[in-house]
Structures are given as structure tokens and as C-alpha cells.
Amino acid sequence: MKMKRRRKINNICRCTPKEGVIGLHPDYAKQVFDEQLGIILCCGNPGYVAEHAILIGNILYQCGRPLLALELMKQALAHLLHVDDDLQRDYAENHYWPHNLDYFQWYHPWSARVSETDARKLAARIDEVQNDITKHLGYKNRSLLRFRVHRYYENMFNDIYEV
């Protein structure tokens, strides 16, 4: 007598060696979203925010939760831009060497102080997920968030230094 293999139910996730996590239980996916978003929003390091958001967003997206992935990455990008803006304004007010000669040793060029590359990498991943969702829904419009991030950094520089 051949026994039928019982189908597993109530699993938290499904994984394969090649693709990693490919399925999450909806309640567990929401729990991962909530916990990881809390970690991201408490962090003051823009590089970590971007990398962690991309990592968790990719996991949620691969598990069939593209809207959770998109929401997490968008909130992380908004937080990253806010943290970077605060850091640059603090630097300009307290450490910018033409105004405060005591801090001349701390002078760094703009490109070395901002996390624009991290923000654009996160925005590019958001664009990919958004484009996949709109393509799946049958629309042809494309997301161009990574270009808006570049404009944001240009405007931030002009606002801080009044160029």
C-alpha cells in the first residue's frame, strides 16, 4: 500500500536552496514588516537604512508581498532623506569651516558627506518593484523615483548653502 504524502499546512515560510525564501505566511510577513520598519526608522545611519530596506524589501517581494515591500522601502527612503537632511544642516551650522575655523579639520566635500548613492540605489529598487506591479496590472507607465532623489539632493544643497 502506497501512502500519500501529507501536505504541510500552517508553515511560516517556504524556502528553496536556490531562491531562498519564496513564501511567507501573511501574518508573519506583516510581523516582519512591522519589526524591520521599526528598526529602520530608529536608525540614524543612512547607508544602513538603504541596505537593510533593500534586503527586507527583496525578501518580502520574493515571498509574494510586493505591496509590503514597496511600503517598507518607500518609508525607509523618506527616513533616509530626512536623516541625511538633518545631518547636512547640522554640519553646515556647526562644522562648516568658513563659519567656524575651529572645525577646519572636519571639513569634507558635499559628495563625501551625503548618502545620495545609497538613496538612489534604494529608489532604483523601488522603481523596479513599482514597475513590476504596474506591468502586472496591465499599465505601461514607469516610475522615475531615482531621478527625483537626485533633484532632492540638489535642492537640499541649494537650500543649505543658498547658491
C-alpha atoms as a PDB file:
ATOM      1  CA  MET A   1       0.000   0.000   0.000  1.00  0.00           C
ATOM      2  CA  LYS A   2       1.416   3.317  -1.099  1.00  0.00           C
ATOM      3  CA  MET A   3       0.996   6.131   1.397  1.00  0.00           C
ATOM      4  CA  LYS A   4       0.107   9.567   0.254  1.00  0.00           C
ATOM      5  CA  ARG A   5       2.408  12.294   1.317  1.00  0.00           C
ATOM      6  CA  ARG A   6       0.636  14.705   3.604  1.00  0.00           C
ATOM      7  CA  ARG A   7       0.726  18.315   2.578  1.00  0.00           C
ATOM      8  CA  LYS A   8       2.194  20.546   5.230  1.00  0.00           C
ATOM      9  CA  ILE A   9      -0.069  23.290   6.439  1.00  0.00           C
ATOM     10  CA  ASN A  10       0.413  26.251   8.762  1.00  0.00           C
ATOM     11  CA  ASN A  11       4.036  26.702   7.799  1.00  0.00           C
ATOM     12  CA  ILE A  12       5.577  30.091   8.455  1.00  0.00           C
ATOM     13  CA  CYS A  13       7.687  30.093   5.312  1.00  0.00           C
ATOM     14  CA  ARG A  14       8.783  28.116   2.268  1.00  0.00           C
ATOM     15  CA  CYS A  15      12.418  28.117   1.214  1.00  0.00           C
ATOM     16  CA  THR A  16      14.497  26.667  -1.594  1.00  0.00           C
ATOM     17  CA  PRO A  17      18.272  26.379  -1.696  1.00  0.00           C
ATOM     18  CA  LYS A  18      18.445  28.275  -4.975  1.00  0.00           C
ATOM     19  CA  GLU A  19      15.967  31.099  -4.450  1.00  0.00           C
ATOM     20  CA  GLY A  20      15.926  31.441  -0.665  1.00  0.00           C
ATOM     21  CA  VAL A  21      12.640  32.394   0.972  1.00  0.00           C
ATOM     22  CA  ILE A  22       9.836  32.118  -1.589  1.00  0.00           C
ATOM     23  CA  GLY A  23       6.754  32.221   0.607  1.00  0.00           C
ATOM     24  CA  LEU A  24       5.741  33.698   3.946  1.00  0.00           C
ATOM     25  CA  HIS A  25       2.583  33.273   5.938  1.00  0.00           C
ATOM     26  CA  PRO A  26       0.633  36.580   5.677  1.00  0.00           C
ATOM     27  CA  ASP A  27       0.629  37.183   9.432  1.00  0.00           C
ATOM     28  CA  TYR A  28       4.351  36.505   9.674  1.00  0.00           C
ATOM     29  CA  ALA A  29       5.055  38.759   6.671  1.00  0.00           C
ATOM     30  CA  LYS A  30       3.201  41.597   8.424  1.00  0.00           C
ATOM     31  CA  GLN A  31       5.142  40.896  11.614  1.00  0.00           C
ATOM     32  CA  VAL A  32       8.455  41.020   9.704  1.00  0.00           C
ATOM     33  CA  PHE A  33       7.338  44.280   8.080  1.00  0.00           C
ATOM     34  CA  ASP A  34       6.441  45.885  11.419  1.00  0.00           C
ATOM     35  CA  GLU A  35       9.601  44.750  13.238  1.00  0.00           C
ATOM     36  CA  GLN A  36      12.017  45.664  10.453  1.00  0.00           C
ATOM     37  CA  LEU A  37      10.359  49.007   9.746  1.00  0.00           C
ATOM     38  CA  GLY A  38      10.773  49.870  13.426  1.00  0.00           C
ATOM     39  CA  ILE A  39      14.472  49.019  13.236  1.00  0.00           C
ATOM     40  CA  ILE A  40      14.914  51.073  10.066  1.00  0.00           C
ATOM     41  CA  LEU A  41      13.081  54.128  11.411  1.00  0.00           C
ATOM     42  CA  CYS A  42      15.186  54.154  14.590  1.00  0.00           C
ATOM     43  CA  CYS A  43      18.478  54.109  12.710  1.00  0.00           C
ATOM     44  CA  GLY A  44      20.449  57.288  12.069  1.00  0.00           C
ATOM     45  CA  ASN A  45      22.885  55.782   9.557  1.00  0.00           C
ATOM     46  CA  PRO A  46      21.604  56.435   6.010  1.00  0.00           C
ATOM     47  CA  GLY A  47      23.773  53.715   4.449  1.00  0.00           C
ATOM     48  CA  TYR A  48      22.418  51.085   6.830  1.00  0.00           C
ATOM     49  CA  VAL A  49      18.863  52.277   6.249  1.00  0.00           C
ATOM     50  CA  ALA A  50      19.207  51.814   2.487  1.00  0.00           C
ATOM     51  CA  GLU A  51      20.904  48.408   2.603  1.00  0.00           C
ATOM     52  CA  HIS A  52      18.562  46.990   5.228  1.00  0.00           C
ATOM     53  CA  ALA A  53      15.462  48.286   3.433  1.00  0.00           C
ATOM     54  CA  ILE A  54      16.602  46.724   0.151  1.00  0.00           C
ATOM     55  CA  LEU A  55      17.325  43.405   1.879  1.00  0.00           C
ATOM     56  CA  ILE A  56      13.979  43.176   3.684  1.00  0.00           C
ATOM     57  CA  GLY A  57      12.115  44.591   0.685  1.00  0.00           C
ATOM     58  CA  ASN A  58      13.607  41.908  -1.560  1.00  0.00           C
ATOM     59  CA  ILE A  59      12.603  39.188   0.890  1.00  0.00           C
ATOM     60  CA  LEU A  60       9.030  40.465   1.077  1.00  0.00           C
ATOM     61  CA  TYR A  61       8.853  40.888  -2.697  1.00  0.00           C
ATOM     62  CA  GLN A  62      10.142  37.373  -3.408  1.00  0.00           C
ATOM     63  CA  CYS A  63       7.592  35.980  -0.951  1.00  0.00           C
ATOM     64  CA  GLY A  64       4.703  37.401  -2.913  1.00  0.00           C
ATOM     65  CA  ARG A  65       4.157  40.507  -0.778  1.00  0.00           C
ATOM     66  CA  PRO A  66       5.078  43.305  -3.214  1.00  0.00           C
ATOM     67  CA  LEU A  67       2.921  45.989  -1.584  1.00  0.00           C
ATOM     68  CA  LEU A  68       4.502  45.399   1.821  1.00  0.00           C
ATOM     69  CA  ALA A  69       7.935  45.530   0.191  1.00  0.00           C
ATOM     70  CA  LEU A  70       7.066  48.745  -1.616  1.00  0.00           C
ATOM     71  CA  GLU A  71       5.666  50.387   1.525  1.00  0.00           C
ATOM     72  CA  LEU A  72       8.702  49.425   3.610  1.00  0.00           C
ATOM     73  CA  MET A  73      11.168  50.728   1.040  1.00  0.00           C
ATOM     74  CA  LYS A  74       9.252  53.993   0.486  1.00  0.00           C
ATOM     75  CA  GLN A  75       9.121  54.713   4.208  1.00  0.00           C
ATOM     76  CA  ALA A  76      12.807  53.843   4.515  1.00  0.00           C
ATOM     77  CA  LEU A  77      13.658  56.220   1.660  1.00  0.00           C
ATOM     78  CA  ALA A  78      11.688  59.041   3.278  1.00  0.00           C
ATOM     79  CA  HIS A  79      13.504  58.380   6.564  1.00  0.00           C
ATOM     80  CA  LEU A  80      16.887  58.230   4.816  1.00  0.00           C
ATOM     81  CA  LEU A  81      16.290  61.603   3.131  1.00  0.00           C
ATOM     82  CA  HIS A  82      15.135  63.142   6.414  1.00  0.00           C
ATOM     83  CA  VAL A  83      18.198  61.852   8.328  1.00  0.00           C
ATOM     84  CA  ASP A  84      20.566  62.998   5.593  1.00  0.00           C
ATOM     85  CA  ASP A  85      18.944  66.439   5.529  1.00  0.00           C
ATOM     86  CA  ASP A  86      19.303  66.771   9.312  1.00  0.00           C
ATOM     87  CA  LEU A  87      22.947  65.661   9.210  1.00  0.00           C
ATOM     88  CA  GLN A  88      23.812  68.147   6.462  1.00  0.00           C
ATOM     89  CA  ARG A  89      22.068  71.055   8.172  1.00  0.00           C
ATOM     90  CA  ASP A  90      23.873  70.225  11.427  1.00  0.00           C
ATOM     91  CA  TYR A  91      27.186  70.083   9.591  1.00  0.00           C
ATOM     92  CA  ALA A  92      26.538  73.422   7.875  1.00  0.00           C
ATOM     93  CA  GLU A  93      25.561  75.145  11.138  1.00  0.00           C
ATOM     94  CA  ASN A  94      28.200  73.704  13.448  1.00  0.00           C
ATOM     95  CA  HIS A  95      31.131  72.368  11.453  1.00  0.00           C
ATOM     96  CA  TYR A  96      31.290  74.229   8.155  1.00  0.00           C
ATOM     97  CA  TRP A  97      34.782  75.716   8.154  1.00  0.00           C
ATOM     98  CA  PRO A  98      34.212  79.187   6.637  1.00  0.00           C
ATOM     99  CA  HIS A  99      31.900  79.974   9.566  1.00  0.00           C
ATOM    100  CA  ASN A 100      33.760  78.170  12.318  1.00  0.00           C
ATOM    101  CA  LEU A 101      37.537  77.961  11.971  1.00  0.00           C
ATOM    102  CA  ASP A 102      37.856  75.580  14.933  1.00  0.00           C
ATOM    103  CA  TYR A 103      36.305  72.855  12.802  1.00  0.00           C
ATOM    104  CA  PHE A 104      38.526  73.234   9.740  1.00  0.00           C
ATOM    105  CA  GLN A 105      39.886  69.732  10.322  1.00  0.00           C
ATOM    106  CA  TRP A 106      36.386  68.300   9.948  1.00  0.00           C
ATOM    107  CA  TYR A 107      35.732  69.789   6.521  1.00  0.00           C
ATOM    108  CA  HIS A 108      34.588  67.240   3.940  1.00  0.00           C
ATOM    109  CA  PRO A 109      33.234  67.914   0.452  1.00  0.00           C
ATOM    110  CA  TRP A 110      29.499  67.582  -0.133  1.00  0.00           C
ATOM    111  CA  SER A 111      29.755  64.339  -2.107  1.00  0.00           C
ATOM    112  CA  ALA A 112      31.598  62.647   0.774  1.00  0.00           C
ATOM    113  CA  ARG A 113      29.008  63.723   3.354  1.00  0.00           C
ATOM    114  CA  VAL A 114      25.718  62.811   1.718  1.00  0.00           C
ATOM    115  CA  SER A 115      24.255  59.384   1.071  1.00  0.00           C
ATOM    116  CA  GLU A 116      22.898  60.177  -2.374  1.00  0.00           C
ATOM    117  CA  THR A 117      24.257  56.961  -3.887  1.00  0.00           C
ATOM    118  CA  ASP A 118      22.525  54.876  -1.206  1.00  0.00           C
ATOM    119  CA  ALA A 119      19.293  56.814  -1.659  1.00  0.00           C
ATOM    120  CA  ARG A 120      19.418  56.425  -5.443  1.00  0.00           C
ATOM    121  CA  LYS A 121      20.106  52.693  -5.112  1.00  0.00           C
ATOM    122  CA  LEU A 122      17.078  52.312  -2.836  1.00  0.00           C
ATOM    123  CA  ALA A 123      14.972  54.475  -5.166  1.00  0.00           C
ATOM    124  CA  ALA A 124      16.056  52.358  -8.156  1.00  0.00           C
ATOM    125  CA  ARG A 125      14.891  49.211  -6.351  1.00  0.00           C
ATOM    126  CA  ILE A 126      11.584  50.919  -5.522  1.00  0.00           C
ATOM    127  CA  ASP A 127      11.265  51.797  -9.223  1.00  0.00           C
ATOM    128  CA  GLU A 128      11.815  48.151 -10.203  1.00  0.00           C
ATOM    129  CA  VAL A 129       9.182  46.863  -7.777  1.00  0.00           C
ATOM    130  CA  GLN A 130       6.720  49.599  -8.756  1.00  0.00           C
ATOM    131  CA  ASN A 131       7.268  48.886 -12.456  1.00  0.00           C
ATOM    132  CA  ASP A 132       6.714  45.154 -11.915  1.00  0.00           C
ATOM    133  CA  ILE A 133       3.459  45.858 -10.091  1.00  0.00           C
ATOM    134  CA  THR A 134       2.154  48.259 -12.747  1.00  0.00           C
ATOM    135  CA  LYS A 135       3.198  45.873 -15.533  1.00  0.00           C
ATOM    136  CA  HIS A 136       1.389  43.026 -13.784  1.00  0.00           C
ATOM    137  CA  LEU A 137      -1.726  45.210 -13.569  1.00  0.00           C
ATOM    138  CA  GLY A 138      -1.527  45.997 -17.283  1.00  0.00           C
ATOM    139  CA  TYR A 139      -0.350  49.601 -17.154  1.00  0.00           C
ATOM    140  CA  LYS A 140       2.580  50.991 -19.120  1.00  0.00           C
ATOM    141  CA  ASN A 141       3.678  53.976 -17.020  1.00  0.00           C
ATOM    142  CA  ARG A 142       7.140  53.862 -15.451  1.00  0.00           C
ATOM    143  CA  SER A 143       8.332  55.009 -12.039  1.00  0.00           C
ATOM    144  CA  LEU A 144      11.155  57.567 -12.054  1.00  0.00           C
ATOM    145  CA  LEU A 145      11.811  57.992  -8.341  1.00  0.00           C
ATOM    146  CA  ARG A 146      15.602  57.743  -8.629  1.00  0.00           C
ATOM    147  CA  PHE A 147      15.681  60.945 -10.696  1.00  0.00           C
ATOM    148  CA  ARG A 148      13.547  62.786  -8.155  1.00  0.00           C
ATOM    149  CA  VAL A 149      16.021  61.744  -5.433  1.00  0.00           C
ATOM    150  CA  HIS A 150      18.853  63.401  -7.360  1.00  0.00           C
ATOM    151  CA  ARG A 151      16.805  66.605  -7.647  1.00  0.00           C
ATOM    152  CA  TYR A 152      16.080  66.426  -3.909  1.00  0.00           C
ATOM    153  CA  TYR A 153      19.801  66.413  -3.107  1.00  0.00           C
ATOM    154  CA  GLU A 154      20.462  69.301  -5.494  1.00  0.00           C
ATOM    155  CA  ASN A 155      17.673  71.311  -3.860  1.00  0.00           C
ATOM    156  CA  MET A 156      18.963  70.432  -0.388  1.00  0.00           C
ATOM    157  CA  PHE A 157      22.431  71.733  -1.285  1.00  0.00           C
ATOM    158  CA  ASN A 158      20.998  74.928  -2.753  1.00  0.00           C
ATOM    159  CA  ASP A 159      18.778  75.449   0.284  1.00  0.00           C
ATOM    160  CA  ILE A 160      21.540  74.898   2.849  1.00  0.00           C
ATOM    161  CA  TYR A 161      24.251  76.926   1.121  1.00  0.00           C
ATOM    162  CA  GLU A 162      21.939  79.354  -0.733  1.00  0.00           C
ATOM    163  CA  VAL A 163      23.730  79.006  -4.046  1.00  0.00           C
END
